[in-house]
Amino acid sequence: MFVLNDKPVEYDFGGSRTRLLVSGDQTGNAYCMLELFSPAGRASPMHRHQHEDETLHMLDGELEVIVDGAPQCLRPGSMLVLPRGTEHQIINRTGQTAHYLVICTPAGFERFVDTCADAQTGPVEARIPTDADKVRMRDAATQFGITLLPPRTAS
């Protein structure tokens, strides 16, 4: 299999600039790969994936990933594998943009991103998600086997 993508599609996905590097259509649905630029202070909701394993590979910056209630710190070069069904939340608690790759196996997560956000033709300036953006994400989540969970409370 040979994949060349020199013009990746870009999205403002939940307030993070997201580039689709490899789609399931290009890999026989074996995997997809996205590049994310998560601004300072941005966080995903706590969630879990029913259909895919998710691998995060940190390129620049720092992320905290809450995995089944335990915080993990990702720094450049770190990699974290989240098997399907694992509750997790990705948080940028720093003052700089975090730059990382997301690889999902099998593919499908990229279709969720495309359903939640409109493809752009050029570099995206991410913005704080609106209430309408959040509703769009919640509505799409069930369609793609993603369960959004309420925030954990300290015990």
N, C-alpha and C. Protein backbone atom coordinates (compact mmCIF):
# COMPACT_ATOMS: atom_id res chain seq x y z
N MET A 1 0.85 -1.17 0.00
CA MET A 1 0.00 0.00 0.00
C MET A 1 0.89 1.24 0.00
N PHE A 2 0.56 2.18 -0.85
CA PHE A 2 1.31 3.42 -0.97
C PHE A 2 0.33 4.57 -0.80
N VAL A 3 0.59 5.43 0.18
CA VAL A 3 -0.29 6.58 0.42
C VAL A 3 0.58 7.84 0.42
N LEU A 4 0.23 8.78 -0.43
CA LEU A 4 0.87 10.09 -0.44
C LEU A 4 -0.23 11.13 -0.24
N ASN A 5 -0.09 11.93 0.79
CA ASN A 5 -1.08 12.97 1.06
C ASN A 5 -0.32 14.28 1.27
N ASP A 6 -0.16 15.04 0.21
CA ASP A 6 0.56 16.29 0.35
C ASP A 6 -0.37 17.50 0.48
N LYS A 7 -1.68 17.23 0.52
CA LYS A 7 -2.67 18.29 0.73
C LYS A 7 -3.75 17.79 1.68
N PRO A 8 -3.39 17.59 2.96
CA PRO A 8 -4.38 17.04 3.89
C PRO A 8 -5.56 17.99 4.11
N VAL A 9 -6.71 17.40 4.29
CA VAL A 9 -7.92 18.15 4.63
C VAL A 9 -7.76 18.64 6.07
N GLU A 10 -8.20 19.87 6.34
CA GLU A 10 -8.10 20.44 7.68
C GLU A 10 -9.49 20.73 8.25
N TYR A 11 -9.57 20.62 9.58
CA TYR A 11 -10.82 20.86 10.30
C TYR A 11 -10.52 21.69 11.55
N ASP A 12 -11.53 22.40 12.02
CA ASP A 12 -11.55 22.92 13.39
C ASP A 12 -12.40 21.92 14.15
N PHE A 13 -11.74 20.97 14.78
CA PHE A 13 -12.43 19.86 15.47
C PHE A 13 -12.40 20.11 16.97
N GLY A 14 -13.52 20.54 17.49
CA GLY A 14 -13.61 20.78 18.93
C GLY A 14 -12.65 21.84 19.44
N GLY A 15 -12.28 22.78 18.57
CA GLY A 15 -11.37 23.83 18.98
C GLY A 15 -9.91 23.52 18.75
N SER A 16 -9.63 22.39 18.10
CA SER A 16 -8.25 22.03 17.76
C SER A 16 -8.10 21.95 16.24
N ARG A 17 -7.03 22.54 15.72
CA ARG A 17 -6.73 22.40 14.30
C ARG A 17 -6.37 20.93 14.06
N THR A 18 -7.08 20.30 13.13
CA THR A 18 -6.92 18.87 12.89
C THR A 18 -6.73 18.62 11.41
N ARG A 19 -5.70 17.85 11.07
CA ARG A 19 -5.39 17.53 9.68
C ARG A 19 -5.55 16.03 9.47
N LEU A 20 -6.33 15.64 8.48
CA LEU A 20 -6.49 14.23 8.14
C LEU A 20 -5.31 13.82 7.27
N LEU A 21 -4.41 13.00 7.81
CA LEU A 21 -3.21 12.58 7.10
C LEU A 21 -3.45 11.31 6.29
N VAL A 22 -4.15 10.34 6.89
CA VAL A 22 -4.44 9.07 6.22
C VAL A 22 -5.85 8.66 6.60
N SER A 23 -6.68 8.39 5.59
CA SER A 23 -8.07 7.99 5.85
C SER A 23 -8.24 6.48 5.72
N GLY A 24 -9.34 6.00 6.26
CA GLY A 24 -9.67 4.59 6.11
C GLY A 24 -9.86 4.20 4.65
N ASP A 25 -10.32 5.14 3.84
CA ASP A 25 -10.47 4.86 2.41
C ASP A 25 -9.13 4.54 1.77
N GLN A 26 -8.05 5.08 2.31
CA GLN A 26 -6.71 4.86 1.75
C GLN A 26 -6.04 3.61 2.29
N THR A 27 -6.59 3.02 3.38
CA THR A 27 -5.95 1.87 4.03
C THR A 27 -6.84 0.64 4.08
N GLY A 28 -7.90 0.61 3.29
CA GLY A 28 -8.84 -0.51 3.38
C GLY A 28 -9.48 -0.58 4.75
N ASN A 29 -9.65 0.59 5.39
CA ASN A 29 -10.23 0.74 6.73
C ASN A 29 -9.38 0.12 7.84
N ALA A 30 -8.10 -0.17 7.55
CA ALA A 30 -7.22 -0.72 8.58
C ALA A 30 -6.92 0.30 9.68
N TYR A 31 -6.68 1.55 9.28
CA TYR A 31 -6.39 2.60 10.26
C TYR A 31 -6.60 3.96 9.62
N CYS A 32 -6.62 4.98 10.46
CA CYS A 32 -6.58 6.37 10.02
C CYS A 32 -5.58 7.10 10.89
N MET A 33 -5.07 8.22 10.38
CA MET A 33 -4.11 9.01 11.15
C MET A 33 -4.45 10.49 10.99
N LEU A 34 -4.51 11.18 12.12
CA LEU A 34 -4.79 12.60 12.14
C LEU A 34 -3.68 13.31 12.91
N GLU A 35 -3.45 14.56 12.53
CA GLU A 35 -2.49 15.42 13.22
C GLU A 35 -3.29 16.51 13.91
N LEU A 36 -3.08 16.69 15.21
CA LEU A 36 -3.82 17.69 15.96
C LEU A 36 -2.90 18.73 16.56
N PHE A 37 -3.40 19.97 16.58
CA PHE A 37 -2.76 21.10 17.23
C PHE A 37 -3.76 21.59 18.27
N SER A 38 -3.54 21.24 19.52
CA SER A 38 -4.49 21.55 20.59
C SER A 38 -4.02 22.79 21.34
N PRO A 39 -4.78 23.89 21.25
CA PRO A 39 -4.36 25.14 21.92
C PRO A 39 -4.32 25.00 23.44
N ALA A 40 -3.59 25.91 24.05
CA ALA A 40 -3.51 25.97 25.51
C ALA A 40 -4.91 25.98 26.11
N GLY A 41 -5.11 25.17 27.14
CA GLY A 41 -6.38 25.15 27.85
C GLY A 41 -7.46 24.29 27.23
N ARG A 42 -7.22 23.72 26.07
CA ARG A 42 -8.26 22.93 25.39
C ARG A 42 -8.31 21.53 25.98
N ALA A 43 -9.50 20.94 26.02
CA ALA A 43 -9.69 19.58 26.55
C ALA A 43 -10.81 18.89 25.80
N SER A 44 -10.65 17.60 25.61
CA SER A 44 -11.75 16.80 25.07
C SER A 44 -12.68 16.46 26.23
N PRO A 45 -13.90 16.05 25.93
CA PRO A 45 -14.73 15.53 27.01
C PRO A 45 -14.20 14.14 27.41
N MET A 46 -14.52 13.71 28.61
CA MET A 46 -14.23 12.33 29.00
C MET A 46 -15.05 11.44 28.07
N HIS A 47 -14.44 10.41 27.50
CA HIS A 47 -15.14 9.57 26.53
C HIS A 47 -14.48 8.21 26.39
N ARG A 48 -15.13 7.33 25.64
CA ARG A 48 -14.54 6.04 25.28
C ARG A 48 -15.01 5.66 23.89
N HIS A 49 -14.17 4.92 23.18
CA HIS A 49 -14.47 4.47 21.82
C HIS A 49 -14.87 2.99 21.87
N GLN A 50 -15.95 2.66 21.22
CA GLN A 50 -16.42 1.28 21.16
C GLN A 50 -15.73 0.50 20.04
N HIS A 51 -15.42 1.19 18.93
CA HIS A 51 -14.99 0.48 17.73
C HIS A 51 -13.49 0.51 17.44
N GLU A 52 -12.74 1.47 18.01
CA GLU A 52 -11.34 1.57 17.63
C GLU A 52 -10.42 1.74 18.83
N ASP A 53 -9.20 1.23 18.64
CA ASP A 53 -8.10 1.52 19.56
C ASP A 53 -7.50 2.84 19.11
N GLU A 54 -7.04 3.64 20.07
CA GLU A 54 -6.51 4.97 19.76
C GLU A 54 -5.09 5.07 20.28
N THR A 55 -4.19 5.49 19.42
CA THR A 55 -2.79 5.70 19.81
C THR A 55 -2.48 7.18 19.66
N LEU A 56 -1.91 7.76 20.71
CA LEU A 56 -1.47 9.16 20.69
C LEU A 56 0.05 9.17 20.64
N HIS A 57 0.61 9.95 19.74
CA HIS A 57 2.07 10.11 19.65
C HIS A 57 2.37 11.60 19.75
N MET A 58 3.03 11.99 20.83
CA MET A 58 3.29 13.40 21.12
C MET A 58 4.48 13.90 20.31
N LEU A 59 4.27 15.00 19.57
CA LEU A 59 5.33 15.60 18.76
C LEU A 59 5.95 16.81 19.44
N ASP A 60 5.10 17.69 20.00
CA ASP A 60 5.60 18.91 20.63
C ASP A 60 4.60 19.36 21.68
N GLY A 61 5.11 19.96 22.74
CA GLY A 61 4.24 20.43 23.81
C GLY A 61 4.01 19.32 24.83
N GLU A 62 2.91 19.44 25.55
CA GLU A 62 2.61 18.50 26.62
C GLU A 62 1.11 18.34 26.76
N LEU A 63 0.68 17.13 27.02
CA LEU A 63 -0.72 16.83 27.28
C LEU A 63 -0.85 16.01 28.55
N GLU A 64 -1.94 16.21 29.25
CA GLU A 64 -2.33 15.30 30.31
C GLU A 64 -3.46 14.46 29.75
N VAL A 65 -3.36 13.16 29.89
CA VAL A 65 -4.42 12.26 29.47
C VAL A 65 -4.89 11.51 30.70
N ILE A 66 -6.15 11.68 31.03
CA ILE A 66 -6.74 10.94 32.14
C ILE A 66 -7.20 9.61 31.58
N VAL A 67 -6.62 8.51 32.06
CA VAL A 67 -6.91 7.17 31.57
C VAL A 67 -7.51 6.36 32.71
N ASP A 68 -8.79 6.01 32.57
CA ASP A 68 -9.49 5.27 33.62
C ASP A 68 -9.25 5.90 34.99
N GLY A 69 -9.29 7.24 35.03
CA GLY A 69 -9.17 7.98 36.28
C GLY A 69 -7.76 8.35 36.70
N ALA A 70 -6.74 7.83 36.01
CA ALA A 70 -5.35 8.11 36.39
C ALA A 70 -4.70 9.05 35.38
N PRO A 71 -4.10 10.16 35.83
CA PRO A 71 -3.45 11.10 34.90
C PRO A 71 -2.13 10.55 34.37
N GLN A 72 -1.94 10.74 33.07
CA GLN A 72 -0.69 10.38 32.39
C GLN A 72 -0.18 11.64 31.70
N CYS A 73 1.12 11.88 31.75
CA CYS A 73 1.70 13.06 31.11
C CYS A 73 2.41 12.63 29.83
N LEU A 74 2.03 13.25 28.71
CA LEU A 74 2.68 12.99 27.44
C LEU A 74 3.56 14.18 27.07
N ARG A 75 4.81 13.89 26.77
CA ARG A 75 5.78 14.88 26.33
C ARG A 75 6.33 14.44 24.98
N PRO A 76 7.05 15.30 24.27
CA PRO A 76 7.56 14.92 22.95
C PRO A 76 8.25 13.55 22.95
N GLY A 77 7.84 12.71 22.01
CA GLY A 77 8.36 11.36 21.91
C GLY A 77 7.53 10.32 22.64
N SER A 78 6.67 10.75 23.55
CA SER A 78 5.81 9.81 24.28
C SER A 78 4.72 9.26 23.37
N MET A 79 4.32 8.04 23.68
CA MET A 79 3.23 7.41 22.95
C MET A 79 2.33 6.72 23.96
N LEU A 80 1.04 6.78 23.73
CA LEU A 80 0.06 6.18 24.62
C LEU A 80 -0.95 5.42 23.78
N VAL A 81 -1.15 4.14 24.11
CA VAL A 81 -2.13 3.31 23.41
C VAL A 81 -3.35 3.15 24.31
N LEU A 82 -4.51 3.51 23.77
CA LEU A 82 -5.77 3.43 24.50
C LEU A 82 -6.65 2.37 23.82
N PRO A 83 -6.72 1.16 24.39
CA PRO A 83 -7.57 0.14 23.79
C PRO A 83 -9.03 0.57 23.79
N ARG A 84 -9.79 0.12 22.80
CA ARG A 84 -11.21 0.47 22.75
C ARG A 84 -11.86 0.15 24.10
N GLY A 85 -12.79 1.00 24.50
CA GLY A 85 -13.46 0.84 25.79
C GLY A 85 -12.79 1.56 26.94
N THR A 86 -11.59 2.10 26.73
CA THR A 86 -10.86 2.80 27.78
C THR A 86 -11.42 4.21 27.95
N GLU A 87 -11.82 4.55 29.16
CA GLU A 87 -12.28 5.92 29.43
C GLU A 87 -11.07 6.84 29.44
N HIS A 88 -11.17 7.95 28.70
CA HIS A 88 -10.04 8.87 28.66
C HIS A 88 -10.49 10.28 28.30
N GLN A 89 -9.64 11.22 28.70
CA GLN A 89 -9.83 12.63 28.41
C GLN A 89 -8.46 13.22 28.11
N ILE A 90 -8.38 14.04 27.06
CA ILE A 90 -7.13 14.65 26.64
C ILE A 90 -7.19 16.13 26.98
N ILE A 91 -6.20 16.60 27.76
CA ILE A 91 -6.23 17.97 28.29
C ILE A 91 -4.87 18.65 28.05
N ASN A 92 -4.91 19.87 27.53
CA ASN A 92 -3.71 20.68 27.41
C ASN A 92 -3.76 21.70 28.55
N ARG A 93 -3.01 21.44 29.61
CA ARG A 93 -2.99 22.33 30.77
C ARG A 93 -1.86 23.37 30.69
N THR A 94 -1.12 23.35 29.59
CA THR A 94 0.03 24.26 29.47
C THR A 94 -0.36 25.56 28.77
N GLY A 95 0.59 26.44 28.64
CA GLY A 95 0.37 27.72 27.97
C GLY A 95 0.74 27.70 26.50
N GLN A 96 1.06 26.52 25.96
CA GLN A 96 1.43 26.44 24.55
C GLN A 96 0.60 25.38 23.82
N THR A 97 0.60 25.46 22.52
CA THR A 97 -0.13 24.49 21.70
C THR A 97 0.56 23.14 21.78
N ALA A 98 -0.23 22.09 21.94
CA ALA A 98 0.28 20.71 21.92
C ALA A 98 0.08 20.16 20.51
N HIS A 99 1.09 19.49 19.99
CA HIS A 99 1.09 18.97 18.62
C HIS A 99 1.29 17.46 18.71
N TYR A 100 0.31 16.70 18.19
CA TYR A 100 0.40 15.24 18.33
C TYR A 100 -0.34 14.54 17.20
N LEU A 101 -0.04 13.24 17.06
CA LEU A 101 -0.72 12.39 16.09
C LEU A 101 -1.70 11.49 16.82
N VAL A 102 -2.82 11.21 16.15
CA VAL A 102 -3.79 10.22 16.61
C VAL A 102 -3.91 9.18 15.51
N ILE A 103 -3.66 7.92 15.88
CA ILE A 103 -3.82 6.80 14.95
C ILE A 103 -4.91 5.90 15.53
N CYS A 104 -5.95 5.65 14.74
CA CYS A 104 -7.05 4.80 15.20
C CYS A 104 -7.11 3.55 14.35
N THR A 105 -7.24 2.41 15.02
CA THR A 105 -7.36 1.12 14.34
C THR A 105 -8.57 0.38 14.88
N PRO A 106 -9.47 -0.07 14.02
CA PRO A 106 -9.51 0.23 12.60
C PRO A 106 -9.90 1.69 12.37
N ALA A 107 -9.96 2.07 11.10
CA ALA A 107 -10.36 3.43 10.74
C ALA A 107 -11.82 3.66 11.11
N GLY A 108 -12.23 4.89 11.06
CA GLY A 108 -13.61 5.28 11.36
C GLY A 108 -13.68 6.59 12.12
N PHE A 109 -12.68 6.83 12.97
CA PHE A 109 -12.68 8.06 13.75
C PHE A 109 -12.63 9.29 12.84
N GLU A 110 -11.96 9.17 11.69
CA GLU A 110 -11.88 10.31 10.78
C GLU A 110 -13.25 10.67 10.22
N ARG A 111 -14.14 9.68 10.11
CA ARG A 111 -15.51 9.97 9.65
C ARG A 111 -16.30 10.70 10.74
N PHE A 112 -16.02 10.38 12.00
CA PHE A 112 -16.61 11.12 13.11
C PHE A 112 -16.17 12.59 13.05
N VAL A 113 -14.86 12.82 12.86
CA VAL A 113 -14.34 14.19 12.77
C VAL A 113 -15.03 14.93 11.62
N ASP A 114 -15.15 14.27 10.47
CA ASP A 114 -15.77 14.91 9.31
C ASP A 114 -17.25 15.23 9.57
N THR A 115 -17.91 14.41 10.36
CA THR A 115 -19.32 14.65 10.70
C THR A 115 -19.46 15.81 11.69
N CYS A 116 -18.48 15.97 12.57
CA CYS A 116 -18.53 17.01 13.61
C CYS A 116 -18.06 18.37 13.13
N ALA A 117 -17.25 18.38 12.09
CA ALA A 117 -16.63 19.64 11.66
C ALA A 117 -16.61 19.71 10.15
N ASP A 118 -16.64 20.92 9.63
CA ASP A 118 -16.61 21.12 8.19
C ASP A 118 -15.16 21.16 7.69
N ALA A 119 -14.90 20.43 6.61
CA ALA A 119 -13.57 20.45 6.00
C ALA A 119 -13.27 21.84 5.48
N GLN A 120 -12.01 22.25 5.61
CA GLN A 120 -11.56 23.56 5.16
C GLN A 120 -10.53 23.37 4.05
N THR A 121 -10.32 24.38 3.28
CA THR A 121 -9.38 24.28 2.17
C THR A 121 -7.98 24.76 2.52
N GLY A 122 -7.82 25.48 3.59
CA GLY A 122 -6.51 26.00 3.96
C GLY A 122 -6.27 25.83 5.44
N PRO A 123 -5.18 26.36 5.94
CA PRO A 123 -4.90 26.25 7.37
C PRO A 123 -6.05 26.80 8.22
N VAL A 124 -6.36 26.09 9.26
CA VAL A 124 -7.49 26.41 10.13
C VAL A 124 -7.00 27.19 11.34
N GLU A 125 -7.71 28.22 11.69
CA GLU A 125 -7.51 28.91 12.95
C GLU A 125 -8.58 28.38 13.90
N ALA A 126 -8.18 27.52 14.82
CA ALA A 126 -9.14 26.92 15.75
C ALA A 126 -9.72 27.99 16.66
N ARG A 127 -10.95 27.78 17.06
CA ARG A 127 -11.65 28.72 17.94
C ARG A 127 -12.32 27.94 19.06
N ILE A 128 -12.77 28.62 20.05
CA ILE A 128 -13.48 27.95 21.15
C ILE A 128 -14.79 27.40 20.59
N PRO A 129 -15.09 26.11 20.85
CA PRO A 129 -16.31 25.52 20.31
C PRO A 129 -17.56 26.23 20.82
N THR A 130 -18.52 26.41 19.93
CA THR A 130 -19.81 27.01 20.30
C THR A 130 -20.72 25.92 20.86
N ASP A 131 -21.85 26.32 21.43
CA ASP A 131 -22.83 25.35 21.89
C ASP A 131 -23.31 24.49 20.73
N ALA A 132 -23.48 25.08 19.55
CA ALA A 132 -23.90 24.33 18.36
C ALA A 132 -22.86 23.29 17.97
N ASP A 133 -21.56 23.63 18.09
CA ASP A 133 -20.49 22.67 17.81
C ASP A 133 -20.58 21.49 18.77
N LYS A 134 -20.84 21.78 20.04
CA LYS A 134 -20.92 20.72 21.05
C LYS A 134 -22.12 19.81 20.79
N VAL A 135 -23.24 20.39 20.40
CA VAL A 135 -24.42 19.58 20.07
C VAL A 135 -24.13 18.68 18.87
N ARG A 136 -23.48 19.24 17.87
CA ARG A 136 -23.13 18.46 16.67
C ARG A 136 -22.24 17.27 17.04
N MET A 137 -21.29 17.48 17.94
CA MET A 137 -20.40 16.41 18.38
C MET A 137 -21.17 15.36 19.18
N ARG A 138 -22.01 15.80 20.11
CA ARG A 138 -22.79 14.84 20.91
C ARG A 138 -23.69 14.00 20.02
N ASP A 139 -24.33 14.64 19.04
CA ASP A 139 -25.23 13.91 18.13
C ASP A 139 -24.47 12.89 17.29
N ALA A 140 -23.27 13.23 16.85
CA ALA A 140 -22.48 12.33 16.01
C ALA A 140 -21.85 11.20 16.83
N ALA A 141 -21.56 11.44 18.09
CA ALA A 141 -20.83 10.46 18.90
C ALA A 141 -21.53 9.09 18.91
N THR A 142 -22.82 9.07 19.17
CA THR A 142 -23.51 7.78 19.24
C THR A 142 -23.49 7.06 17.90
N GLN A 143 -23.55 7.80 16.82
CA GLN A 143 -23.51 7.22 15.48
C GLN A 143 -22.19 6.48 15.23
N PHE A 144 -21.10 6.93 15.87
CA PHE A 144 -19.78 6.35 15.64
C PHE A 144 -19.26 5.54 16.82
N GLY A 145 -20.14 5.16 17.74
CA GLY A 145 -19.73 4.30 18.85
C GLY A 145 -18.83 4.99 19.86
N ILE A 146 -19.00 6.29 20.02
CA ILE A 146 -18.23 7.05 21.01
C ILE A 146 -19.19 7.48 22.11
N THR A 147 -18.85 7.11 23.33
CA THR A 147 -19.67 7.46 24.48
C THR A 147 -19.03 8.63 25.20
N LEU A 148 -19.76 9.75 25.25
CA LEU A 148 -19.30 10.92 26.00
C LEU A 148 -19.76 10.75 27.44
N LEU A 149 -18.84 10.91 28.36
CA LEU A 149 -19.09 10.64 29.79
C LEU A 149 -19.04 11.95 30.59
N PRO A 150 -19.77 11.98 31.71
CA PRO A 150 -19.68 13.18 32.55
C PRO A 150 -18.29 13.25 33.20
N PRO A 151 -17.85 14.45 33.54
CA PRO A 151 -16.54 14.59 34.19
C PRO A 151 -16.51 13.78 35.50
N ARG A 152 -15.37 13.21 35.78
CA ARG A 152 -15.20 12.48 37.05
C ARG A 152 -15.11 13.48 38.19
N THR A 153 -15.65 13.12 39.31
CA THR A 153 -15.54 13.97 40.51
C THR A 153 -14.47 13.39 41.41
N ALA A 154 -13.78 14.27 42.11
CA ALA A 154 -12.73 13.83 43.05
C ALA A 154 -13.38 13.07 44.19
N SER A 155 -12.75 11.96 44.57
CA SER A 155 -13.31 11.18 45.69
C SER A 155 -12.48 11.29 46.93
